[in-house]
Amino acid sequence: MEKQIKKQDRGIQESKQSKFKELVEQCITSKKGKVLVIEDNTSALMGMMAALTGKGMEVVSAVTKEEAIKALAKHKDIELVITDISYPEKEGMEQDPESGLSFIRHVKDKRPELKVIAQSSSNEYLAKAAQAGADEKVNKRDLPSWIKGEEIIEGTAETATAKREKLKEVNVLIVTSHKDYAESLINAIKGLVDNAKVVDWCMHKESSKKFSPDKYTHVIASDDYLSCEDENVKRPKDEAEAKEFERQGFELDRELRASYEMHKLDHMDTKGKVRKILFVECGGEMNEGRIQHDFGVPRFGEYFKDRAYLKQPILLTDLIKLLKE
């Protein structure tokens, strides 16, 4: 009986996935079609955008109902809408499920031909979205996998490629002082690099304990400042403020250079097994001719074959290219 129920559940899941795939492919086959994504969570938005652009789609994003209505009016070539349900009506306002539900009704009133996919972690909200006119509803945790065309089996995602062959795993450690930035990169990497198995994050001060050359294939590090990681460190505006901070017992700020981070990890990676990607500013060690030659080029260096230098702010496509090499 239990096996029969599981089989029925799987059949329902596959049917939903088939319908979702059909909606997405309608947009993929259009040469000019765009996808409108409404999501107020930065990490979730980055993950969806990464997965969609990886499928060749052009994405227009919004984080409030007001922005979504303006985007829909401006971009006449939008062919698919993927919307969260609970988000602010306007900037500065609280999340409200009525924002998403009323936007679905707005789309069906103004552009009835558009397909709308509602996504949420709340089954109650999803049911209301269907009543409001959504063509499909998807649990938020499954959406990135469905966009990538993966099969959802009993709550886990398994790709057809992985069934045929085991790809070389990509295991990444991101070293940065900023959690939101790290989470955005994590979602992007998981969305665009099919064989990314482990994607972890830590601050500079934790990297020596976190890093292992036997666990990670790649390390990504960004230029940061110590004050971003330690509340007892202050960044002075001028010499007078520096003296005042020192009088109060605070440590003065200093740079946490990605290059220093990699030198530190080199002592642990004695065989040079791990590839290192540095997000850096143009200056400092960039003045050295050999490094300057490789700076900003999305490839591992001619002189330092385990290193790639990308200028901040980086292009996501450059990072993904390096991880797929």
C-alpha atoms as a PDB file:
ATOM      1  CA  MET A   1       0.000   0.000   0.000  1.00  0.00           C
ATOM      2  CA  GLU A   2       2.825   2.369   0.970  1.00  0.00           C
ATOM      3  CA  LYS A   3       4.663   1.646  -2.307  1.00  0.00           C
ATOM      4  CA  GLN A   4       1.453   2.328  -4.243  1.00  0.00           C
ATOM      5  CA  ILE A   5       1.036   5.717  -2.507  1.00  0.00           C
ATOM      6  CA  LYS A   6       4.655   6.628  -3.245  1.00  0.00           C
ATOM      7  CA  LYS A   7       4.149   5.624  -6.879  1.00  0.00           C
ATOM      8  CA  GLN A   8       1.036   7.827  -7.072  1.00  0.00           C
ATOM      9  CA  ASP A   9       2.884  10.739  -5.449  1.00  0.00           C
ATOM     10  CA  ARG A  10       5.736  10.324  -7.911  1.00  0.00           C
ATOM     11  CA  GLY A  11       3.258  10.292 -10.806  1.00  0.00           C
ATOM     12  CA  ILE A  12       1.691  13.535  -9.591  1.00  0.00           C
ATOM     13  CA  GLN A  13       5.138  15.082  -9.144  1.00  0.00           C
ATOM     14  CA  GLU A  14       6.228  14.057 -12.648  1.00  0.00           C
ATOM     15  CA  SER A  15       2.990  15.423 -14.116  1.00  0.00           C
ATOM     16  CA  LYS A  16       3.545  18.775 -12.411  1.00  0.00           C
ATOM     17  CA  GLN A  17       7.152  18.821 -13.548  1.00  0.00           C
ATOM     18  CA  SER A  18       6.154  18.049 -17.126  1.00  0.00           C
ATOM     19  CA  LYS A  19       3.718  20.983 -17.121  1.00  0.00           C
ATOM     20  CA  PHE A  20       6.325  23.269 -15.576  1.00  0.00           C
ATOM     21  CA  LYS A  21       8.918  22.190 -18.149  1.00  0.00           C
ATOM     22  CA  GLU A  22       6.439  22.893 -20.943  1.00  0.00           C
ATOM     23  CA  LEU A  23       5.827  26.429 -19.632  1.00  0.00           C
ATOM     24  CA  VAL A  24       9.549  27.160 -19.337  1.00  0.00           C
ATOM     25  CA  GLU A  25      10.403  25.676 -22.736  1.00  0.00           C
ATOM     26  CA  GLN A  26       7.796  27.906 -24.377  1.00  0.00           C
ATOM     27  CA  CYS A  27       9.902  30.822 -23.213  1.00  0.00           C
ATOM     28  CA  ILE A  28      13.247  29.211 -24.055  1.00  0.00           C
ATOM     29  CA  THR A  29      12.237  28.645 -27.677  1.00  0.00           C
ATOM     30  CA  SER A  30      11.392  32.331 -28.144  1.00  0.00           C
ATOM     31  CA  LYS A  31      14.307  34.391 -29.452  1.00  0.00           C
ATOM     32  CA  LYS A  32      13.186  37.554 -27.688  1.00  0.00           C
ATOM     33  CA  GLY A  33      11.096  36.324 -24.768  1.00  0.00           C
ATOM     34  CA  LYS A  34      11.894  37.377 -21.210  1.00  0.00           C
ATOM     35  CA  VAL A  35      11.015  35.994 -17.787  1.00  0.00           C
ATOM     36  CA  LEU A  36       9.742  38.301 -15.042  1.00  0.00           C
ATOM     37  CA  VAL A  37      10.827  37.084 -11.597  1.00  0.00           C
ATOM     38  CA  ILE A  38       9.374  38.653  -8.432  1.00  0.00           C
ATOM     39  CA  GLU A  39      11.246  37.700  -5.248  1.00  0.00           C
ATOM     40  CA  ASP A  40      12.229  39.921  -2.289  1.00  0.00           C
ATOM     41  CA  ASN A  41      14.785  37.495  -0.839  1.00  0.00           C
ATOM     42  CA  THR A  42      18.155  38.397  -2.386  1.00  0.00           C
ATOM     43  CA  SER A  43      19.668  34.912  -2.112  1.00  0.00           C
ATOM     44  CA  ALA A  44      16.589  33.202  -3.565  1.00  0.00           C
ATOM     45  CA  LEU A  45      16.417  35.781  -6.377  1.00  0.00           C
ATOM     46  CA  MET A  46      20.095  35.265  -7.284  1.00  0.00           C
ATOM     47  CA  GLY A  47      19.593  31.503  -7.328  1.00  0.00           C
ATOM     48  CA  MET A  48      16.616  31.715  -9.677  1.00  0.00           C
ATOM     49  CA  MET A  49      18.297  34.249 -11.949  1.00  0.00           C
ATOM     50  CA  ALA A  50      21.387  32.053 -12.162  1.00  0.00           C
ATOM     51  CA  ALA A  51      19.344  28.968 -13.055  1.00  0.00           C
ATOM     52  CA  LEU A  52      17.243  30.822 -15.629  1.00  0.00           C
ATOM     53  CA  THR A  53      20.143  32.612 -17.339  1.00  0.00           C
ATOM     54  CA  GLY A  54      21.913  29.251 -17.430  1.00  0.00           C
ATOM     55  CA  LYS A  55      19.015  28.071 -19.600  1.00  0.00           C
ATOM     56  CA  GLY A  56      19.565  30.964 -21.984  1.00  0.00           C
ATOM     57  CA  MET A  57      16.731  33.151 -20.747  1.00  0.00           C
ATOM     58  CA  GLU A  58      16.781  36.908 -20.246  1.00  0.00           C
ATOM     59  CA  VAL A  59      15.496  37.803 -16.790  1.00  0.00           C
ATOM     60  CA  VAL A  60      13.720  40.927 -15.541  1.00  0.00           C
ATOM     61  CA  SER A  61      13.505  41.084 -11.733  1.00  0.00           C
ATOM     62  CA  ALA A  62      11.401  42.923  -9.165  1.00  0.00           C
ATOM     63  CA  VAL A  63      11.227  42.840  -5.365  1.00  0.00           C
ATOM     64  CA  THR A  64       7.898  44.644  -4.776  1.00  0.00           C
ATOM     65  CA  LYS A  65       4.454  44.603  -6.360  1.00  0.00           C
ATOM     66  CA  GLU A  66       4.953  48.197  -7.496  1.00  0.00           C
ATOM     67  CA  GLU A  67       8.196  47.302  -9.320  1.00  0.00           C
ATOM     68  CA  ALA A  68       6.587  44.208 -10.847  1.00  0.00           C
ATOM     69  CA  ILE A  69       3.675  46.210 -12.313  1.00  0.00           C
ATOM     70  CA  LYS A  70       6.097  48.750 -13.806  1.00  0.00           C
ATOM     71  CA  ALA A  71       8.295  45.986 -15.265  1.00  0.00           C
ATOM     72  CA  LEU A  72       5.284  44.255 -16.831  1.00  0.00           C
ATOM     73  CA  ALA A  73       4.185  47.519 -18.480  1.00  0.00           C
ATOM     74  CA  LYS A  74       7.695  48.380 -19.696  1.00  0.00           C
ATOM     75  CA  HIS A  75       8.768  44.996 -21.093  1.00  0.00           C
ATOM     76  CA  LYS A  76       6.196  43.964 -23.678  1.00  0.00           C
ATOM     77  CA  ASP A  77       8.293  40.900 -24.572  1.00  0.00           C
ATOM     78  CA  ILE A  78       7.823  39.200 -21.187  1.00  0.00           C
ATOM     79  CA  GLU A  79       6.454  35.722 -21.894  1.00  0.00           C
ATOM     80  CA  LEU A  80       6.566  34.076 -18.491  1.00  0.00           C
ATOM     81  CA  VAL A  81       6.076  35.261 -14.898  1.00  0.00           C
ATOM     82  CA  ILE A  82       7.548  33.475 -11.868  1.00  0.00           C
ATOM     83  CA  THR A  83       6.344  35.124  -8.689  1.00  0.00           C
ATOM     84  CA  ASP A  84       6.739  34.674  -4.974  1.00  0.00           C
ATOM     85  CA  ILE A  85       3.494  35.286  -3.079  1.00  0.00           C
ATOM     86  CA  SER A  86       4.435  37.140   0.083  1.00  0.00           C
ATOM     87  CA  TYR A  87       6.469  40.289  -0.607  1.00  0.00           C
ATOM     88  CA  PRO A  88       6.108  44.060  -0.037  1.00  0.00           C
ATOM     89  CA  GLU A  89       3.634  46.138  -2.034  1.00  0.00           C
ATOM     90  CA  LYS A  90       6.120  49.025  -2.100  1.00  0.00           C
ATOM     91  CA  GLU A  91       9.710  49.602  -0.958  1.00  0.00           C
ATOM     92  CA  GLY A  92       9.877  50.007   2.824  1.00  0.00           C
ATOM     93  CA  MET A  93       6.645  48.114   3.483  1.00  0.00           C
ATOM     94  CA  GLU A  94       6.262  44.720   5.181  1.00  0.00           C
ATOM     95  CA  GLN A  95       5.758  41.428   3.365  1.00  0.00           C
ATOM     96  CA  ASP A  96       2.116  40.702   2.540  1.00  0.00           C
ATOM     97  CA  PRO A  97       0.726  37.655   0.683  1.00  0.00           C
ATOM     98  CA  GLU A  98      -1.949  39.887  -0.834  1.00  0.00           C
ATOM     99  CA  SER A  99       0.812  41.591  -2.858  1.00  0.00           C
ATOM    100  CA  GLY A 100       1.554  38.417  -4.787  1.00  0.00           C
ATOM    101  CA  LEU A 101      -2.075  37.339  -5.109  1.00  0.00           C
ATOM    102  CA  SER A 102      -3.225  40.741  -6.372  1.00  0.00           C
ATOM    103  CA  PHE A 103      -0.297  40.847  -8.827  1.00  0.00           C
ATOM    104  CA  ILE A 104      -1.348  37.481 -10.275  1.00  0.00           C
ATOM    105  CA  ARG A 105      -4.852  38.875 -10.766  1.00  0.00           C
ATOM    106  CA  HIS A 106      -3.314  42.013 -12.336  1.00  0.00           C
ATOM    107  CA  VAL A 107      -1.333  39.922 -14.851  1.00  0.00           C
ATOM    108  CA  LYS A 108      -4.382  37.899 -15.831  1.00  0.00           C
ATOM    109  CA  ASP A 109      -6.382  41.100 -16.262  1.00  0.00           C
ATOM    110  CA  LYS A 110      -3.798  43.046 -18.303  1.00  0.00           C
ATOM    111  CA  ARG A 111      -1.968  40.193 -20.085  1.00  0.00           C
ATOM    112  CA  PRO A 112      -4.249  37.121 -19.922  1.00  0.00           C
ATOM    113  CA  GLU A 113      -2.067  35.256 -22.439  1.00  0.00           C
ATOM    114  CA  LEU A 114       0.915  35.248 -20.037  1.00  0.00           C
ATOM    115  CA  LYS A 115       1.650  32.097 -18.065  1.00  0.00           C
ATOM    116  CA  VAL A 116       2.176  32.621 -14.328  1.00  0.00           C
ATOM    117  CA  ILE A 117       4.096  30.265 -12.053  1.00  0.00           C
ATOM    118  CA  ALA A 118       3.595  30.911  -8.335  1.00  0.00           C
ATOM    119  CA  GLN A 119       6.267  29.732  -5.913  1.00  0.00           C
ATOM    120  CA  SER A 120       6.134  29.614  -2.113  1.00  0.00           C
ATOM    121  CA  SER A 121       7.060  27.404   0.823  1.00  0.00           C
ATOM    122  CA  SER A 122       3.463  27.745   2.102  1.00  0.00           C
ATOM    123  CA  ASN A 123       0.883  25.290   0.748  1.00  0.00           C
ATOM    124  CA  GLU A 124      -1.856  27.670   1.890  1.00  0.00           C
ATOM    125  CA  TYR A 125      -0.423  30.507  -0.200  1.00  0.00           C
ATOM    126  CA  LEU A 126       0.010  28.212  -3.194  1.00  0.00           C
ATOM    127  CA  ALA A 127      -3.636  27.150  -3.027  1.00  0.00           C
ATOM    128  CA  LYS A 128      -4.714  30.801  -2.947  1.00  0.00           C
ATOM    129  CA  ALA A 129      -2.408  31.561  -5.872  1.00  0.00           C
ATOM    130  CA  ALA A 130      -4.162  28.893  -7.959  1.00  0.00           C
ATOM    131  CA  GLN A 131      -7.502  30.492  -7.099  1.00  0.00           C
ATOM    132  CA  ALA A 132      -6.093  33.880  -8.138  1.00  0.00           C
ATOM    133  CA  GLY A 133      -5.257  32.513 -11.594  1.00  0.00           C
ATOM    134  CA  ALA A 134      -1.731  31.071 -11.441  1.00  0.00           C
ATOM    135  CA  ASP A 135      -1.149  28.487 -14.182  1.00  0.00           C
ATOM    136  CA  GLU A 136       1.214  26.437 -12.026  1.00  0.00           C
ATOM    137  CA  LYS A 137       2.357  26.402  -8.415  1.00  0.00           C
ATOM    138  CA  VAL A 138       5.734  25.155  -7.193  1.00  0.00           C
ATOM    139  CA  ASN A 139       7.214  24.667  -3.745  1.00  0.00           C
ATOM    140  CA  LYS A 140      10.047  27.179  -3.382  1.00  0.00           C
ATOM    141  CA  ARG A 141      12.627  24.561  -2.365  1.00  0.00           C
ATOM    142  CA  ASP A 142      12.043  22.622  -5.620  1.00  0.00           C
ATOM    143  CA  LEU A 143      12.017  25.554  -8.048  1.00  0.00           C
ATOM    144  CA  PRO A 144      15.780  25.779  -8.872  1.00  0.00           C
ATOM    145  CA  SER A 145      15.889  22.031  -9.577  1.00  0.00           C
ATOM    146  CA  TRP A 146      12.813  22.206 -11.796  1.00  0.00           C
ATOM    147  CA  ILE A 147      14.244  25.132 -13.760  1.00  0.00           C
ATOM    148  CA  LYS A 148      17.394  23.087 -14.383  1.00  0.00           C
ATOM    149  CA  GLY A 149      15.243  20.192 -15.646  1.00  0.00           C
ATOM    150  CA  GLU A 150      16.091  17.823 -12.817  1.00  0.00           C
ATOM    151  CA  GLU A 151      13.895  14.997 -11.644  1.00  0.00           C
ATOM    152  CA  ILE A 152      12.406  15.407  -8.164  1.00  0.00           C
ATOM    153  CA  ILE A 153      12.281  12.023  -6.448  1.00  0.00           C
ATOM    154  CA  GLU A 154      11.102  11.815  -2.861  1.00  0.00           C
ATOM    155  CA  GLY A 155      12.432  15.265  -2.045  1.00  0.00           C
ATOM    156  CA  THR A 156      15.840  14.893  -3.700  1.00  0.00           C
ATOM    157  CA  ALA A 157      17.097  16.129  -7.061  1.00  0.00           C
ATOM    158  CA  GLU A 158      18.870  13.704  -9.358  1.00  0.00           C
ATOM    159  CA  THR A 159      19.980  14.746 -12.844  1.00  0.00           C
ATOM    160  CA  ALA A 160      19.798  12.476 -15.841  1.00  0.00           C
ATOM    161  CA  THR A 161      23.471  13.218 -16.505  1.00  0.00           C
ATOM    162  CA  ALA A 162      24.426  12.062 -13.030  1.00  0.00           C
ATOM    163  CA  LYS A 163      22.569   8.821 -13.642  1.00  0.00           C
ATOM    164  CA  ARG A 164      24.581   8.153 -16.795  1.00  0.00           C
ATOM    165  CA  GLU A 165      27.962   9.093 -15.475  1.00  0.00           C
ATOM    166  CA  LYS A 166      29.571  10.548 -12.426  1.00  0.00           C
ATOM    167  CA  LEU A 167      30.992  13.918 -13.346  1.00  0.00           C
ATOM    168  CA  LYS A 168      34.107  15.239 -11.736  1.00  0.00           C
ATOM    169  CA  GLU A 169      32.882  16.936  -8.597  1.00  0.00           C
ATOM    170  CA  VAL A 170      33.407  20.646  -8.015  1.00  0.00           C
ATOM    171  CA  ASN A 171      33.736  21.464  -4.314  1.00  0.00           C
ATOM    172  CA  VAL A 172      34.106  25.141  -3.509  1.00  0.00           C
ATOM    173  CA  LEU A 173      35.088  27.134  -0.446  1.00  0.00           C
ATOM    174  CA  ILE A 174      34.173  30.849  -0.577  1.00  0.00           C
ATOM    175  CA  VAL A 175      36.206  33.128   1.683  1.00  0.00           C
ATOM    176  CA  THR A 176      34.603  36.548   2.182  1.00  0.00           C
ATOM    177  CA  SER A 177      33.560  38.807   5.047  1.00  0.00           C
ATOM    178  CA  HIS A 178      30.031  39.253   3.709  1.00  0.00           C
ATOM    179  CA  LYS A 179      27.383  36.589   4.338  1.00  0.00           C
ATOM    180  CA  ASP A 180      24.797  37.939   1.857  1.00  0.00           C
ATOM    181  CA  TYR A 181      27.401  38.050  -0.913  1.00  0.00           C
ATOM    182  CA  ALA A 182      28.493  34.492  -0.104  1.00  0.00           C
ATOM    183  CA  GLU A 183      24.905  33.203  -0.155  1.00  0.00           C
ATOM    184  CA  SER A 184      24.314  34.817  -3.550  1.00  0.00           C
ATOM    185  CA  LEU A 185      27.432  33.122  -4.950  1.00  0.00           C
ATOM    186  CA  ILE A 186      26.422  29.790  -3.413  1.00  0.00           C
ATOM    187  CA  ASN A 187      23.004  29.933  -5.092  1.00  0.00           C
ATOM    188  CA  ALA A 188      24.543  30.967  -8.407  1.00  0.00           C
ATOM    189  CA  ILE A 189      27.147  28.179  -8.359  1.00  0.00           C
ATOM    190  CA  LYS A 190      24.605  25.528  -7.397  1.00  0.00           C
ATOM    191  CA  GLY A 191      22.280  26.788 -10.097  1.00  0.00           C
ATOM    192  CA  LEU A 192      24.794  26.923 -12.949  1.00  0.00           C
ATOM    193  CA  VAL A 193      27.472  24.301 -12.218  1.00  0.00           C
ATOM    194  CA  ASP A 194      25.802  20.898 -12.534  1.00  0.00           C
ATOM    195  CA  ASN A 195      28.611  18.979 -10.830  1.00  0.00           C
ATOM    196  CA  ALA A 196      28.955  21.357  -7.862  1.00  0.00           C
ATOM    197  CA  LYS A 197      28.533  19.091  -4.854  1.00  0.00           C
ATOM    198  CA  VAL A 198      29.915  21.097  -1.921  1.00  0.00           C
ATOM    199  CA  VAL A 199      29.763  24.907  -1.793  1.00  0.00           C
ATOM    200  CA  ASP A 200      30.780  26.273   1.625  1.00  0.00           C
ATOM    201  CA  TRP A 201      31.479  29.728   3.014  1.00  0.00           C
ATOM    202  CA  CYS A 202      33.634  31.148   5.793  1.00  0.00           C
ATOM    203  CA  MET A 203      35.210  34.433   6.844  1.00  0.00           C
ATOM    204  CA  HIS A 204      38.917  35.131   6.402  1.00  0.00           C
ATOM    205  CA  LYS A 205      39.584  34.551  10.091  1.00  0.00           C
ATOM    206  CA  GLU A 206      38.102  31.025   9.853  1.00  0.00           C
ATOM    207  CA  SER A 207      39.692  29.886   6.589  1.00  0.00           C
ATOM    208  CA  SER A 208      42.661  27.994   8.045  1.00  0.00           C
ATOM    209  CA  LYS A 209      40.359  25.799  10.127  1.00  0.00           C
ATOM    210  CA  LYS A 210      37.788  25.375   7.336  1.00  0.00           C
ATOM    211  CA  PHE A 211      40.079  24.668   4.397  1.00  0.00           C
ATOM    212  CA  SER A 212      41.250  21.195   3.418  1.00  0.00           C
ATOM    213  CA  PRO A 213      42.975  20.341   0.110  1.00  0.00           C
ATOM    214  CA  ASP A 214      41.375  16.891   0.300  1.00  0.00           C
ATOM    215  CA  LYS A 215      37.857  18.345   0.476  1.00  0.00           C
ATOM    216  CA  TYR A 216      37.854  21.315  -1.912  1.00  0.00           C
ATOM    217  CA  THR A 217      38.726  21.576  -5.597  1.00  0.00           C
ATOM    218  CA  HIS A 218      38.413  25.382  -5.685  1.00  0.00           C
ATOM    219  CA  VAL A 219      38.808  28.289  -3.277  1.00  0.00           C
ATOM    220  CA  ILE A 220      37.334  31.714  -3.978  1.00  0.00           C
ATOM    221  CA  ALA A 221      38.544  34.691  -1.928  1.00  0.00           C
ATOM    222  CA  SER A 222      37.683  38.388  -2.093  1.00  0.00           C
ATOM    223  CA  ASP A 223      39.490  41.531  -0.954  1.00  0.00           C
ATOM    224  CA  ASP A 224      37.874  42.654   2.316  1.00  0.00           C
ATOM    225  CA  TYR A 225      38.545  44.593   5.525  1.00  0.00           C
ATOM    226  CA  LEU A 226      39.102  43.285   9.039  1.00  0.00           C
ATOM    227  CA  SER A 227      36.445  45.661  10.417  1.00  0.00           C
ATOM    228  CA  CYS A 228      33.831  43.655   8.503  1.00  0.00           C
ATOM    229  CA  GLU A 229      34.643  40.617  10.656  1.00  0.00           C
ATOM    230  CA  ASP A 230      35.628  42.065  14.042  1.00  0.00           C
ATOM    231  CA  GLU A 231      33.586  44.642  15.981  1.00  0.00           C
ATOM    232  CA  ASN A 232      36.685  45.584  17.980  1.00  0.00           C
ATOM    233  CA  VAL A 233      38.336  46.890  14.814  1.00  0.00           C
ATOM    234  CA  LYS A 234      37.531  50.397  13.591  1.00  0.00           C
ATOM    235  CA  ARG A 235      38.174  52.085  10.239  1.00  0.00           C
ATOM    236  CA  PRO A 236      39.180  55.733  10.842  1.00  0.00           C
ATOM    237  CA  LYS A 237      38.270  58.548   8.459  1.00  0.00           C
ATOM    238  CA  ASP A 238      41.423  60.508   9.205  1.00  0.00           C
ATOM    239  CA  GLU A 239      44.484  60.614  11.443  1.00  0.00           C
ATOM    240  CA  ALA A 240      42.651  62.369  14.288  1.00  0.00           C
ATOM    241  CA  GLU A 241      39.975  59.683  14.389  1.00  0.00           C
ATOM    242  CA  ALA A 242      42.660  56.988  14.242  1.00  0.00           C
ATOM    243  CA  LYS A 243      44.310  58.415  17.346  1.00  0.00           C
ATOM    244  CA  GLU A 244      40.955  58.547  19.120  1.00  0.00           C
ATOM    245  CA  PHE A 245      40.180  54.919  18.266  1.00  0.00           C
ATOM    246  CA  GLU A 246      43.604  53.859  19.555  1.00  0.00           C
ATOM    247  CA  ARG A 247      43.041  55.844  22.767  1.00  0.00           C
ATOM    248  CA  GLN A 248      39.773  53.944  23.250  1.00  0.00           C
ATOM    249  CA  GLY A 249      41.593  50.636  22.835  1.00  0.00           C
ATOM    250  CA  PHE A 250      40.305  49.714  19.372  1.00  0.00           C
ATOM    251  CA  GLU A 251      42.500  48.053  16.761  1.00  0.00           C
ATOM    252  CA  LEU A 252      42.786  50.011  13.522  1.00  0.00           C
ATOM    253  CA  ASP A 253      41.425  48.508  10.343  1.00  0.00           C
ATOM    254  CA  ARG A 254      43.525  46.721   7.757  1.00  0.00           C
ATOM    255  CA  GLU A 255      42.937  45.064   4.412  1.00  0.00           C
ATOM    256  CA  LEU A 256      42.296  41.353   4.117  1.00  0.00           C
ATOM    257  CA  ARG A 257      43.777  40.772   0.675  1.00  0.00           C
ATOM    258  CA  ALA A 258      42.703  37.771  -1.352  1.00  0.00           C
ATOM    259  CA  SER A 259      46.340  37.266  -2.364  1.00  0.00           C
ATOM    260  CA  TYR A 260      47.448  37.008   1.289  1.00  0.00           C
ATOM    261  CA  GLU A 261      44.636  34.541   1.899  1.00  0.00           C
ATOM    262  CA  MET A 262      45.836  32.302  -0.930  1.00  0.00           C
ATOM    263  CA  HIS A 263      49.468  32.452   0.230  1.00  0.00           C
ATOM    264  CA  LYS A 264      48.274  31.261   3.630  1.00  0.00           C
ATOM    265  CA  LEU A 265      46.322  28.357   2.128  1.00  0.00           C
ATOM    266  CA  ASP A 266      49.234  27.447  -0.172  1.00  0.00           C
ATOM    267  CA  HIS A 267      51.105  26.235   2.916  1.00  0.00           C
ATOM    268  CA  MET A 268      48.295  23.744   3.484  1.00  0.00           C
ATOM    269  CA  ASP A 269      47.920  22.847  -0.206  1.00  0.00           C
ATOM    270  CA  THR A 270      51.544  21.788  -0.701  1.00  0.00           C
ATOM    271  CA  LYS A 271      50.779  19.712  -3.822  1.00  0.00           C
ATOM    272  CA  GLY A 272      48.871  22.534  -5.538  1.00  0.00           C
ATOM    273  CA  LYS A 273      45.747  20.414  -5.955  1.00  0.00           C
ATOM    274  CA  VAL A 274      43.282  23.245  -5.338  1.00  0.00           C
ATOM    275  CA  ARG A 275      42.507  25.937  -7.898  1.00  0.00           C
ATOM    276  CA  LYS A 276      42.325  29.438  -6.452  1.00  0.00           C
ATOM    277  CA  ILE A 277      40.138  32.274  -7.761  1.00  0.00           C
ATOM    278  CA  LEU A 278      40.847  35.776  -6.447  1.00  0.00           C
ATOM    279  CA  PHE A 279      38.360  38.662  -6.538  1.00  0.00           C
ATOM    280  CA  VAL A 280      40.644  41.701  -6.343  1.00  0.00           C
ATOM    281  CA  GLU A 281      40.869  45.440  -6.927  1.00  0.00           C
ATOM    282  CA  CYS A 282      43.220  46.689  -9.652  1.00  0.00           C
ATOM    283  CA  GLY A 283      46.246  47.773  -7.668  1.00  0.00           C
ATOM    284  CA  GLY A 284      48.765  46.479  -5.144  1.00  0.00           C
ATOM    285  CA  GLU A 285      50.088  43.145  -6.307  1.00  0.00           C
ATOM    286  CA  MET A 286      48.554  43.773  -9.733  1.00  0.00           C
ATOM    287  CA  ASN A 287      51.562  45.964 -10.536  1.00  0.00           C
ATOM    288  CA  GLU A 288      53.725  42.878 -10.926  1.00  0.00           C
ATOM    289  CA  GLY A 289      53.967  42.225 -14.656  1.00  0.00           C
ATOM    290  CA  ARG A 290      53.336  38.498 -14.599  1.00  0.00           C
ATOM    291  CA  ILE A 291      50.116  38.866 -12.606  1.00  0.00           C
ATOM    292  CA  GLN A 292      48.987  41.928 -14.548  1.00  0.00           C
ATOM    293  CA  HIS A 293      49.094  39.770 -17.671  1.00  0.00           C
ATOM    294  CA  ASP A 294      46.430  37.441 -16.215  1.00  0.00           C
ATOM    295  CA  PHE A 295      44.397  40.047 -14.337  1.00  0.00           C
ATOM    296  CA  GLY A 296      40.701  40.197 -15.249  1.00  0.00           C
ATOM    297  CA  VAL A 297      40.939  37.344 -17.765  1.00  0.00           C
ATOM    298  CA  PRO A 298      38.598  34.421 -16.979  1.00  0.00           C
ATOM    299  CA  ARG A 299      41.266  31.721 -17.167  1.00  0.00           C
ATOM    300  CA  PHE A 300      43.831  30.153 -14.914  1.00  0.00           C
ATOM    301  CA  GLY A 301      47.162  31.913 -15.342  1.00  0.00           C
ATOM    302  CA  GLU A 302      49.921  31.390 -17.798  1.00  0.00           C
ATOM    303  CA  TYR A 303      52.475  31.868 -15.016  1.00  0.00           C
ATOM    304  CA  PHE A 304      50.494  30.795 -11.941  1.00  0.00           C
ATOM    305  CA  LYS A 305      48.496  27.894 -13.318  1.00  0.00           C
ATOM    306  CA  ASP A 306      46.425  27.359 -10.160  1.00  0.00           C
ATOM    307  CA  ARG A 307      45.308  31.019  -9.942  1.00  0.00           C
ATOM    308  CA  ALA A 308      42.797  33.247 -11.686  1.00  0.00           C
ATOM    309  CA  TYR A 309      42.357  36.958 -10.946  1.00  0.00           C
ATOM    310  CA  LEU A 310      38.953  38.591 -11.500  1.00  0.00           C
ATOM    311  CA  LYS A 311      38.331  42.280 -10.962  1.00  0.00           C
ATOM    312  CA  GLN A 312      35.638  43.312  -8.488  1.00  0.00           C
ATOM    313  CA  PRO A 313      32.751  43.575  -9.144  1.00  0.00           C
ATOM    314  CA  ILE A 314      33.075  40.285 -10.966  1.00  0.00           C
ATOM    315  CA  LEU A 315      31.013  38.992 -13.863  1.00  0.00           C
ATOM    316  CA  LEU A 316      29.148  35.849 -12.844  1.00  0.00           C
ATOM    317  CA  THR A 317      29.710  34.316 -16.278  1.00  0.00           C
ATOM    318  CA  ASP A 318      33.491  34.607 -15.801  1.00  0.00           C
ATOM    319  CA  LEU A 319      33.349  32.807 -12.459  1.00  0.00           C
ATOM    320  CA  ILE A 320      31.181  29.982 -13.813  1.00  0.00           C
ATOM    321  CA  LYS A 321      33.547  29.553 -16.781  1.00  0.00           C
ATOM    322  CA  LEU A 322      36.469  29.081 -14.376  1.00  0.00           C
ATOM    323  CA  LEU A 323      34.618  26.561 -12.247  1.00  0.00           C
ATOM    324  CA  LYS A 324      33.646  24.536 -15.320  1.00  0.00           C
ATOM    325  CA  GLU A 325      37.231  24.303 -16.677  1.00  0.00           C
END
